[in-house]
Amino acid sequence: MAATDVTKITEKSEWQDITLGNQVYNAGTSKLFKTGEWRTQTPVIDLEKCKQCLLCVPVCPDSSIPVTDCKRGEFDLDHCKGCGICAKVCPFDAISMKEGQ
């Protein structure tokens, strides 16, 4: 698959069509690899329910929940792999997981 191809990655995609993973070329290059296309579940934030407790932030293994001025932002879907840990720890049920990307 060429870099300019726009192909939707799903759980049925061939391994050759998925972004390379587990590759470290230089220190600090993980932001260059957009691994969010591996996701089969996508987190969705309900900002009305969110109390900005930030409990979701430290448990995200991909650092996909940005914080600015002590407030969480939208998910970084370029890197989020849809593990759902953020939804499980949210005491206000402000994060839900939806099928697909």
PDB file of N, CA and C in Angstrom:
ATOM      1  N   MET A   1       0.859  -1.174   0.000  1.00  0.00           N
ATOM      2  CA  MET A   1       0.000   0.000   0.000  1.00  0.00           C
ATOM      3  C   MET A   1       0.901   1.231   0.000  1.00  0.00           C
ATOM      4  N   ALA A   2       0.711   2.111  -0.927  1.00  0.00           N
ATOM      5  CA  ALA A   2       1.498   3.340  -1.023  1.00  0.00           C
ATOM      6  C   ALA A   2       1.051   4.322   0.044  1.00  0.00           C
ATOM      7  N   ALA A   3       1.941   5.229   0.431  1.00  0.00           N
ATOM      8  CA  ALA A   3       1.644   6.208   1.479  1.00  0.00           C
ATOM      9  C   ALA A   3       0.468   7.104   1.111  1.00  0.00           C
ATOM     10  N   THR A   4       0.213   7.268  -0.187  1.00  0.00           N
ATOM     11  CA  THR A   4      -0.876   8.149  -0.601  1.00  0.00           C
ATOM     12  C   THR A   4      -2.207   7.419  -0.726  1.00  0.00           C
ATOM     13  N   ASP A   5      -2.194   6.076  -0.645  1.00  0.00           N
ATOM     14  CA  ASP A   5      -3.446   5.315  -0.708  1.00  0.00           C
ATOM     15  C   ASP A   5      -4.298   5.617   0.504  1.00  0.00           C
ATOM     16  N   VAL A   6      -5.599   5.745   0.281  1.00  0.00           N
ATOM     17  CA  VAL A   6      -6.522   5.952   1.394  1.00  0.00           C
ATOM     18  C   VAL A   6      -7.334   4.667   1.521  1.00  0.00           C
ATOM     19  N   THR A   7      -6.851   3.768   2.343  1.00  0.00           N
ATOM     20  CA  THR A   7      -7.491   2.487   2.546  1.00  0.00           C
ATOM     21  C   THR A   7      -7.917   2.391   4.000  1.00  0.00           C
ATOM     22  N   LYS A   8      -9.162   2.016   4.230  1.00  0.00           N
ATOM     23  CA  LYS A   8      -9.631   1.874   5.597  1.00  0.00           C
ATOM     24  C   LYS A   8      -9.084   0.574   6.168  1.00  0.00           C
ATOM     25  N   ILE A   9      -8.425   0.679   7.285  1.00  0.00           N
ATOM     26  CA  ILE A   9      -7.876  -0.483   7.958  1.00  0.00           C
ATOM     27  C   ILE A   9      -8.951  -1.037   8.894  1.00  0.00           C
ATOM     28  N   THR A  10      -9.223  -2.329   8.798  1.00  0.00           N
ATOM     29  CA  THR A  10     -10.188  -2.986   9.679  1.00  0.00           C
ATOM     30  C   THR A  10      -9.541  -4.231  10.259  1.00  0.00           C
ATOM     31  N   GLU A  11     -10.280  -4.929  11.113  1.00  0.00           N
ATOM     32  CA  GLU A  11      -9.748  -6.159  11.702  1.00  0.00           C
ATOM     33  C   GLU A  11      -9.543  -7.245  10.646  1.00  0.00           C
ATOM     34  N   LYS A  12     -10.075  -7.063   9.440  1.00  0.00           N
ATOM     35  CA  LYS A  12      -9.916  -8.038   8.354  1.00  0.00           C
ATOM     36  C   LYS A  12      -8.827  -7.637   7.360  1.00  0.00           C
ATOM     37  N   SER A  13      -8.158  -6.524   7.612  1.00  0.00           N
ATOM     38  CA  SER A  13      -7.099  -6.059   6.707  1.00  0.00           C
ATOM     39  C   SER A  13      -5.928  -7.030   6.728  1.00  0.00           C
ATOM     40  N   GLU A  14      -5.290  -7.151   5.593  1.00  0.00           N
ATOM     41  CA  GLU A  14      -4.093  -7.974   5.498  1.00  0.00           C
ATOM     42  C   GLU A  14      -2.943  -7.300   6.243  1.00  0.00           C
ATOM     43  N   TRP A  15      -2.041  -8.071   6.790  1.00  0.00           N
ATOM     44  CA  TRP A  15      -0.949  -7.504   7.576  1.00  0.00           C
ATOM     45  C   TRP A  15      -0.070  -6.579   6.739  1.00  0.00           C
ATOM     46  N   GLN A  16       0.010  -6.824   5.435  1.00  0.00           N
ATOM     47  CA  GLN A  16       0.844  -5.993   4.573  1.00  0.00           C
ATOM     48  C   GLN A  16       0.297  -4.574   4.423  1.00  0.00           C
ATOM     49  N   ASP A  17      -0.996  -4.379   4.709  1.00  0.00           N
ATOM     50  CA  ASP A  17      -1.632  -3.076   4.524  1.00  0.00           C
ATOM     51  C   ASP A  17      -1.632  -2.220   5.788  1.00  0.00           C
ATOM     52  N   ILE A  18      -1.083  -2.727   6.872  1.00  0.00           N
ATOM     53  CA  ILE A  18      -1.113  -2.010   8.144  1.00  0.00           C
ATOM     54  C   ILE A  18       0.234  -1.317   8.368  1.00  0.00           C
ATOM     55  N   THR A  19       0.188  -0.126   8.955  1.00  0.00           N
ATOM     56  CA  THR A  19       1.404   0.618   9.267  1.00  0.00           C
ATOM     57  C   THR A  19       2.371  -0.265  10.054  1.00  0.00           C
ATOM     58  N   LEU A  20       3.627  -0.189   9.713  1.00  0.00           N
ATOM     59  CA  LEU A  20       4.638  -0.956  10.433  1.00  0.00           C
ATOM     60  C   LEU A  20       4.640  -0.589  11.908  1.00  0.00           C
ATOM     61  N   GLY A  21       4.782  -1.564  12.743  1.00  0.00           N
ATOM     62  CA  GLY A  21       4.862  -1.328  14.178  1.00  0.00           C
ATOM     63  C   GLY A  21       6.147  -1.926  14.717  1.00  0.00           C
ATOM     64  N   ASN A  22       6.415  -1.653  15.976  1.00  0.00           N
ATOM     65  CA  ASN A  22       7.576  -2.205  16.659  1.00  0.00           C
ATOM     66  C   ASN A  22       8.883  -1.876  15.926  1.00  0.00           C
ATOM     67  N   GLN A  23       8.946  -0.720  15.305  1.00  0.00           N
ATOM     68  CA  GLN A  23      10.132  -0.280  14.595  1.00  0.00           C
ATOM     69  C   GLN A  23      10.676   0.972  15.281  1.00  0.00           C
ATOM     70  N   VAL A  24      11.900   0.932  15.744  1.00  0.00           N
ATOM     71  CA  VAL A  24      12.515   2.097  16.366  1.00  0.00           C
ATOM     72  C   VAL A  24      13.740   2.459  15.525  1.00  0.00           C
ATOM     73  N   TYR A  25      13.664   3.583  14.834  1.00  0.00           N
ATOM     74  CA  TYR A  25      14.752   4.015  13.969  1.00  0.00           C
ATOM     75  C   TYR A  25      15.673   5.004  14.679  1.00  0.00           C
ATOM     76  N   ASN A  26      15.097   5.883  15.459  1.00  0.00           N
ATOM     77  CA  ASN A  26      15.839   6.866  16.238  1.00  0.00           C
ATOM     78  C   ASN A  26      15.046   7.134  17.504  1.00  0.00           C
ATOM     79  N   ALA A  27      15.703   7.664  18.494  1.00  0.00           N
ATOM     80  CA  ALA A  27      15.001   8.024  19.725  1.00  0.00           C
ATOM     81  C   ALA A  27      13.969   9.109  19.444  1.00  0.00           C
ATOM     82  N   GLY A  28      12.824   9.015  20.085  1.00  0.00           N
ATOM     83  CA  GLY A  28      11.799  10.053  19.983  1.00  0.00           C
ATOM     84  C   GLY A  28      11.048  10.090  18.671  1.00  0.00           C
ATOM     85  N   THR A  29      10.990   8.973  17.945  1.00  0.00           N
ATOM     86  CA  THR A  29      10.300   8.972  16.650  1.00  0.00           C
ATOM     87  C   THR A  29       8.902   8.374  16.713  1.00  0.00           C
ATOM     88  N   SER A  30       8.422   7.973  17.884  1.00  0.00           N
ATOM     89  CA  SER A  30       7.131   7.298  17.952  1.00  0.00           C
ATOM     90  C   SER A  30       5.982   8.170  17.459  1.00  0.00           C
ATOM     91  N   LYS A  31       6.092   9.483  17.583  1.00  0.00           N
ATOM     92  CA  LYS A  31       5.038  10.378  17.087  1.00  0.00           C
ATOM     93  C   LYS A  31       4.927  10.331  15.566  1.00  0.00           C
ATOM     94  N   LEU A  32       5.986   9.895  14.894  1.00  0.00           N
ATOM     95  CA  LEU A  32       5.966   9.828  13.434  1.00  0.00           C
ATOM     96  C   LEU A  32       5.115   8.666  12.919  1.00  0.00           C
ATOM     97  N   PHE A  33       4.913   7.638  13.749  1.00  0.00           N
ATOM     98  CA  PHE A  33       4.173   6.463  13.330  1.00  0.00           C
ATOM     99  C   PHE A  33       2.731   6.575  13.803  1.00  0.00           C
ATOM    100  N   LYS A  34       1.827   6.791  12.881  1.00  0.00           N
ATOM    101  CA  LYS A  34       0.413   6.955  13.213  1.00  0.00           C
ATOM    102  C   LYS A  34      -0.226   5.581  13.299  1.00  0.00           C
ATOM    103  N   THR A  35      -0.266   5.067  14.506  1.00  0.00           N
ATOM    104  CA  THR A  35      -0.721   3.698  14.746  1.00  0.00           C
ATOM    105  C   THR A  35      -2.200   3.609  15.089  1.00  0.00           C
ATOM    106  N   GLY A  36      -2.913   4.723  15.047  1.00  0.00           N
ATOM    107  CA  GLY A  36      -4.327   4.710  15.370  1.00  0.00           C
ATOM    108  C   GLY A  36      -5.170   3.914  14.394  1.00  0.00           C
ATOM    109  N   GLU A  37      -4.648   3.651  13.210  1.00  0.00           N
ATOM    110  CA  GLU A  37      -5.414   2.884  12.236  1.00  0.00           C
ATOM    111  C   GLU A  37      -5.555   1.417  12.651  1.00  0.00           C
ATOM    112  N   TRP A  38      -4.862   0.995  13.689  1.00  0.00           N
ATOM    113  CA  TRP A  38      -4.981  -0.375  14.186  1.00  0.00           C
ATOM    114  C   TRP A  38      -6.270  -0.562  14.980  1.00  0.00           C
ATOM    115  N   ARG A  39      -6.886   0.550  15.353  1.00  0.00           N
ATOM    116  CA  ARG A  39      -8.041   0.537  16.250  1.00  0.00           C
ATOM    117  C   ARG A  39      -9.244  -0.183  15.657  1.00  0.00           C
ATOM    118  N   THR A  40      -9.957  -0.943  16.508  1.00  0.00           N
ATOM    119  CA  THR A  40     -11.269  -1.474  16.122  1.00  0.00           C
ATOM    120  C   THR A  40     -12.360  -0.825  16.970  1.00  0.00           C
ATOM    121  N   GLN A  41     -11.967  -0.180  18.067  1.00  0.00           N
ATOM    122  CA  GLN A  41     -12.876   0.572  18.932  1.00  0.00           C
ATOM    123  C   GLN A  41     -12.323   1.990  19.054  1.00  0.00           C
ATOM    124  N   THR A  42     -13.210   2.979  19.062  1.00  0.00           N
ATOM    125  CA  THR A  42     -12.787   4.374  19.158  1.00  0.00           C
ATOM    126  C   THR A  42     -13.402   5.024  20.389  1.00  0.00           C
ATOM    127  N   PRO A  43     -12.590   5.695  21.228  1.00  0.00           N
ATOM    128  CA  PRO A  43     -13.146   6.376  22.395  1.00  0.00           C
ATOM    129  C   PRO A  43     -13.873   7.656  21.995  1.00  0.00           C
ATOM    130  N   VAL A  44     -14.975   7.911  22.676  1.00  0.00           N
ATOM    131  CA  VAL A  44     -15.763   9.120  22.431  1.00  0.00           C
ATOM    132  C   VAL A  44     -15.993   9.789  23.776  1.00  0.00           C
ATOM    133  N   ILE A  45     -15.693  11.076  23.862  1.00  0.00           N
ATOM    134  CA  ILE A  45     -15.861  11.818  25.114  1.00  0.00           C
ATOM    135  C   ILE A  45     -17.175  12.590  25.086  1.00  0.00           C
ATOM    136  N   ASP A  46     -17.904  12.513  26.180  1.00  0.00           N
ATOM    137  CA  ASP A  46     -19.114  13.325  26.363  1.00  0.00           C
ATOM    138  C   ASP A  46     -18.701  14.469  27.294  1.00  0.00           C
ATOM    139  N   LEU A  47     -18.430  15.633  26.723  1.00  0.00           N
ATOM    140  CA  LEU A  47     -17.914  16.756  27.504  1.00  0.00           C
ATOM    141  C   LEU A  47     -18.913  17.269  28.535  1.00  0.00           C
ATOM    142  N   GLU A  48     -20.185  16.961  28.364  1.00  0.00           N
ATOM    143  CA  GLU A  48     -21.190  17.358  29.365  1.00  0.00           C
ATOM    144  C   GLU A  48     -21.020  16.540  30.651  1.00  0.00           C
ATOM    145  N   LYS A  49     -20.620  15.276  30.502  1.00  0.00           N
ATOM    146  CA  LYS A  49     -20.428  14.404  31.667  1.00  0.00           C
ATOM    147  C   LYS A  49     -19.029  14.554  32.269  1.00  0.00           C
ATOM    148  N   CYS A  50     -18.065  14.959  31.457  1.00  0.00           N
ATOM    149  CA  CYS A  50     -16.662  15.032  31.892  1.00  0.00           C
ATOM    150  C   CYS A  50     -16.497  16.113  32.960  1.00  0.00           C
ATOM    151  N   LYS A  51     -15.891  15.738  34.084  1.00  0.00           N
ATOM    152  CA  LYS A  51     -15.645  16.673  35.193  1.00  0.00           C
ATOM    153  C   LYS A  51     -14.187  17.130  35.233  1.00  0.00           C
ATOM    154  N   GLN A  52     -13.423  16.797  34.196  1.00  0.00           N
ATOM    155  CA  GLN A  52     -12.012  17.177  34.108  1.00  0.00           C
ATOM    156  C   GLN A  52     -11.192  16.647  35.282  1.00  0.00           C
ATOM    157  N   CYS A  53     -11.516  15.463  35.761  1.00  0.00           N
ATOM    158  CA  CYS A  53     -10.750  14.863  36.857  1.00  0.00           C
ATOM    159  C   CYS A  53      -9.384  14.367  36.385  1.00  0.00           C
ATOM    160  N   LEU A  54      -9.257  14.137  35.080  1.00  0.00           N
ATOM    161  CA  LEU A  54      -8.010  13.725  34.428  1.00  0.00           C
ATOM    162  C   LEU A  54      -7.532  12.336  34.839  1.00  0.00           C
ATOM    163  N   LEU A  55      -8.408  11.508  35.415  1.00  0.00           N
ATOM    164  CA  LEU A  55      -8.010  10.146  35.776  1.00  0.00           C
ATOM    165  C   LEU A  55      -7.689   9.309  34.539  1.00  0.00           C
ATOM    166  N   CYS A  56      -8.238   9.678  33.407  1.00  0.00           N
ATOM    167  CA  CYS A  56      -8.002   8.940  32.170  1.00  0.00           C
ATOM    168  C   CYS A  56      -6.601   9.177  31.612  1.00  0.00           C
ATOM    169  N   VAL A  57      -6.034  10.320  31.894  1.00  0.00           N
ATOM    170  CA  VAL A  57      -4.772  10.716  31.258  1.00  0.00           C
ATOM    171  C   VAL A  57      -3.604   9.800  31.616  1.00  0.00           C
ATOM    172  N   PRO A  58      -3.316   9.548  32.894  1.00  0.00           N
ATOM    173  CA  PRO A  58      -2.126   8.736  33.185  1.00  0.00           C
ATOM    174  C   PRO A  58      -2.261   7.261  32.823  1.00  0.00           C
ATOM    175  N   VAL A  59      -3.476   6.758  32.626  1.00  0.00           N
ATOM    176  CA  VAL A  59      -3.636   5.341  32.299  1.00  0.00           C
ATOM    177  C   VAL A  59      -3.564   5.062  30.799  1.00  0.00           C
ATOM    178  N   CYS A  60      -3.572   6.095  29.984  1.00  0.00           N
ATOM    179  CA  CYS A  60      -3.519   5.901  28.530  1.00  0.00           C
ATOM    180  C   CYS A  60      -2.115   5.437  28.134  1.00  0.00           C
ATOM    181  N   PRO A  61      -1.994   4.204  27.631  1.00  0.00           N
ATOM    182  CA  PRO A  61      -0.656   3.696  27.287  1.00  0.00           C
ATOM    183  C   PRO A  61      -0.042   4.377  26.070  1.00  0.00           C
ATOM    184  N   ASP A  62      -0.846   5.126  25.320  1.00  0.00           N
ATOM    185  CA  ASP A  62      -0.338   5.778  24.109  1.00  0.00           C
ATOM    186  C   ASP A  62      -0.219   7.288  24.254  1.00  0.00           C
ATOM    187  N   SER A  63      -0.460   7.818  25.450  1.00  0.00           N
ATOM    188  CA  SER A  63      -0.426   9.265  25.679  1.00  0.00           C
ATOM    189  C   SER A  63      -1.301   9.985  24.662  1.00  0.00           C
ATOM    190  N   SER A  64      -2.500   9.442  24.441  1.00  0.00           N
ATOM    191  CA  SER A  64      -3.404   9.965  23.421  1.00  0.00           C
ATOM    192  C   SER A  64      -4.469  10.906  23.966  1.00  0.00           C
ATOM    193  N   ILE A  65      -4.301  11.342  25.220  1.00  0.00           N
ATOM    194  CA  ILE A  65      -5.241  12.292  25.802  1.00  0.00           C
ATOM    195  C   ILE A  65      -4.440  13.538  26.183  1.00  0.00           C
ATOM    196  N   PRO A  66      -4.449  14.543  25.313  1.00  0.00           N
ATOM    197  CA  PRO A  66      -3.673  15.746  25.594  1.00  0.00           C
ATOM    198  C   PRO A  66      -4.313  16.588  26.701  1.00  0.00           C
ATOM    199  N   VAL A  67      -3.475  17.269  27.462  1.00  0.00           N
ATOM    200  CA  VAL A  67      -3.941  18.159  28.530  1.00  0.00           C
ATOM    201  C   VAL A  67      -3.318  19.528  28.306  1.00  0.00           C
ATOM    202  N   THR A  68      -4.172  20.558  28.324  1.00  0.00           N
ATOM    203  CA  THR A  68      -3.721  21.937  28.207  1.00  0.00           C
ATOM    204  C   THR A  68      -4.429  22.747  29.279  1.00  0.00           C
ATOM    205  N   ASP A  69      -3.665  23.499  30.044  1.00  0.00           N
ATOM    206  CA  ASP A  69      -4.221  24.326  31.122  1.00  0.00           C
ATOM    207  C   ASP A  69      -5.107  23.508  32.067  1.00  0.00           C
ATOM    208  N   CYS A  70      -4.635  22.320  32.445  1.00  0.00           N
ATOM    209  CA  CYS A  70      -5.331  21.423  33.382  1.00  0.00           C
ATOM    210  C   CYS A  70      -6.685  20.939  32.867  1.00  0.00           C
ATOM    211  N   LYS A  71      -6.885  20.923  31.561  1.00  0.00           N
ATOM    212  CA  LYS A  71      -8.123  20.397  30.960  1.00  0.00           C
ATOM    213  C   LYS A  71      -7.750  19.439  29.847  1.00  0.00           C
ATOM    214  N   ARG A  72      -8.446  18.323  29.837  1.00  0.00           N
ATOM    215  CA  ARG A  72      -8.184  17.338  28.787  1.00  0.00           C
ATOM    216  C   ARG A  72      -8.743  17.825  27.462  1.00  0.00           C
ATOM    217  N   GLY A  73      -8.083  17.420  26.383  1.00  0.00           N
ATOM    218  CA  GLY A  73      -8.555  17.769  25.048  1.00  0.00           C
ATOM    219  C   GLY A  73      -9.190  16.569  24.372  1.00  0.00           C
ATOM    220  N   GLU A  74      -9.438  16.700  23.088  1.00  0.00           N
ATOM    221  CA  GLU A  74      -9.971  15.589  22.304  1.00  0.00           C
ATOM    222  C   GLU A  74      -8.899  14.510  22.179  1.00  0.00           C
ATOM    223  N   PHE A  75      -9.317  13.296  21.934  1.00  0.00           N
ATOM    224  CA  PHE A  75      -8.375  12.190  21.795  1.00  0.00           C
ATOM    225  C   PHE A  75      -7.471  12.393  20.581  1.00  0.00           C
ATOM    226  N   ASP A  76      -6.223  11.987  20.719  1.00  0.00           N
ATOM    227  CA  ASP A  76      -5.281  11.960  19.602  1.00  0.00           C
ATOM    228  C   ASP A  76      -5.521  10.633  18.891  1.00  0.00           C
ATOM    229  N   LEU A  77      -6.412  10.640  17.906  1.00  0.00           N
ATOM    230  CA  LEU A  77      -6.799   9.409  17.228  1.00  0.00           C
ATOM    231  C   LEU A  77      -5.741   8.918  16.247  1.00  0.00           C
ATOM    232  N   ASP A  78      -4.708   9.723  16.003  1.00  0.00           N
ATOM    233  CA  ASP A  78      -3.595   9.248  15.177  1.00  0.00           C
ATOM    234  C   ASP A  78      -2.790   8.180  15.917  1.00  0.00           C
ATOM    235  N   HIS A  79      -2.848   8.202  17.256  1.00  0.00           N
ATOM    236  CA  HIS A  79      -2.040   7.276  18.040  1.00  0.00           C
ATOM    237  C   HIS A  79      -2.849   6.360  18.957  1.00  0.00           C
ATOM    238  N   CYS A  80      -4.080   6.695  19.265  1.00  0.00           N
ATOM    239  CA  CYS A  80      -4.932   5.877  20.127  1.00  0.00           C
ATOM    240  C   CYS A  80      -5.206   4.533  19.458  1.00  0.00           C
ATOM    241  N   LYS A  81      -5.010   3.450  20.213  1.00  0.00           N
ATOM    242  CA  LYS A  81      -5.245   2.118  19.666  1.00  0.00           C
ATOM    243  C   LYS A  81      -6.572   1.526  20.135  1.00  0.00           C
ATOM    244  N   GLY A  82      -7.372   2.312  20.858  1.00  0.00           N
ATOM    245  CA  GLY A  82      -8.713   1.865  21.224  1.00  0.00           C
ATOM    246  C   GLY A  82      -8.768   0.796  22.290  1.00  0.00           C
ATOM    247  N   CYS A  83      -7.846   0.824  23.236  1.00  0.00           N
ATOM    248  CA  CYS A  83      -7.806  -0.221  24.262  1.00  0.00           C
ATOM    249  C   CYS A  83      -8.977  -0.119  25.246  1.00  0.00           C
ATOM    250  N   GLY A  84      -9.521   1.087  25.435  1.00  0.00           N
ATOM    251  CA  GLY A  84     -10.675   1.261  26.312  1.00  0.00           C
ATOM    252  C   GLY A  84     -10.354   1.451  27.781  1.00  0.00           C
ATOM    253  N   ILE A  85      -9.088   1.516  28.145  1.00  0.00           N
ATOM    254  CA  ILE A  85      -8.724   1.707  29.546  1.00  0.00           C
ATOM    255  C   ILE A  85      -9.291   3.029  30.065  1.00  0.00           C
ATOM    256  N   CYS A  86      -9.245   4.069  29.247  1.00  0.00           N
ATOM    257  CA  CYS A  86      -9.756   5.380  29.657  1.00  0.00           C
ATOM    258  C   CYS A  86     -11.245   5.293  30.011  1.00  0.00           C
ATOM    259  N   ALA A  87     -12.005   4.545  29.234  1.00  0.00           N
ATOM    260  CA  ALA A  87     -13.442   4.398  29.497  1.00  0.00           C
ATOM    261  C   ALA A  87     -13.689   3.632  30.791  1.00  0.00           C
ATOM    262  N   LYS A  88     -12.835   2.643  31.064  1.00  0.00           N
ATOM    263  CA  LYS A  88     -13.009   1.838  32.278  1.00  0.00           C
ATOM    264  C   LYS A  88     -12.713   2.632  33.545  1.00  0.00           C
ATOM    265  N   VAL A  89     -11.757   3.562  33.489  1.00  0.00           N
ATOM    266  CA  VAL A  89     -11.394   4.303  34.704  1.00  0.00           C
ATOM    267  C   VAL A  89     -12.230   5.553  34.929  1.00  0.00           C
ATOM    268  N   CYS A  90     -12.994   5.986  33.938  1.00  0.00           N
ATOM    269  CA  CYS A  90     -13.767   7.218  34.076  1.00  0.00           C
ATOM    270  C   CYS A  90     -14.921   7.013  35.062  1.00  0.00           C
ATOM    271  N   PRO A  91     -14.888   7.693  36.216  1.00  0.00           N
ATOM    272  CA  PRO A  91     -15.932   7.506  37.223  1.00  0.00           C
ATOM    273  C   PRO A  91     -17.253   8.177  36.855  1.00  0.00           C
ATOM    274  N   PHE A  92     -17.263   8.960  35.786  1.00  0.00           N
ATOM    275  CA  PHE A  92     -18.468   9.706  35.402  1.00  0.00           C
ATOM    276  C   PHE A  92     -19.106   9.156  34.122  1.00  0.00           C
ATOM    277  N   ASP A  93     -18.577   8.040  33.616  1.00  0.00           N
ATOM    278  CA  ASP A  93     -19.069   7.443  32.366  1.00  0.00           C
ATOM    279  C   ASP A  93     -19.082   8.460  31.227  1.00  0.00           C
ATOM    280  N   ALA A  94     -18.076   9.316  31.208  1.00  0.00           N
ATOM    281  CA  ALA A  94     -17.983  10.345  30.168  1.00  0.00           C
ATOM    282  C   ALA A  94     -17.316   9.833  28.905  1.00  0.00           C
ATOM    283  N   ILE A  95     -16.675   8.657  28.982  1.00  0.00           N
ATOM    284  CA  ILE A  95     -15.991   8.095  27.824  1.00  0.00           C
ATOM    285  C   ILE A  95     -16.677   6.779  27.468  1.00  0.00           C
ATOM    286  N   SER A  96     -17.053   6.669  26.215  1.00  0.00           N
ATOM    287  CA  SER A  96     -17.630   5.411  25.731  1.00  0.00           C
ATOM    288  C   SER A  96     -16.797   4.944  24.528  1.00  0.00           C
ATOM    289  N   MET A  97     -16.921   3.681  24.218  1.00  0.00           N
ATOM    290  CA  MET A  97     -16.190   3.124  23.083  1.00  0.00           C
ATOM    291  C   MET A  97     -17.190   2.787  21.991  1.00  0.00           C
ATOM    292  N   LYS A  98     -16.872   3.197  20.758  1.00  0.00           N
ATOM    293  CA  LYS A  98     -17.749   2.870  19.634  1.00  0.00           C
ATOM    294  C   LYS A  98     -16.990   1.990  18.647  1.00  0.00           C
ATOM    295  N   GLU A  99     -17.740   1.185  17.917  1.00  0.00           N
ATOM    296  CA  GLU A  99     -17.144   0.302  16.914  1.00  0.00           C
ATOM    297  C   GLU A  99     -16.514   1.119  15.797  1.00  0.00           C
ATOM    298  N   GLY A 100     -15.396   0.669  15.304  1.00  0.00           N
ATOM    299  CA  GLY A 100     -14.769   1.279  14.136  1.00  0.00           C
ATOM    300  C   GLY A 100     -13.885   2.462  14.473  1.00  0.00           C
ATOM    301  N   GLN A 101     -13.482   3.124  13.405  1.00  0.00           N
ATOM    302  CA  GLN A 101     -12.534   4.218  13.552  1.00  0.00           C
ATOM    303  C   GLN A 101     -13.261   5.521  13.480  1.00  0.00           C
TER     304      GLN A 101
END
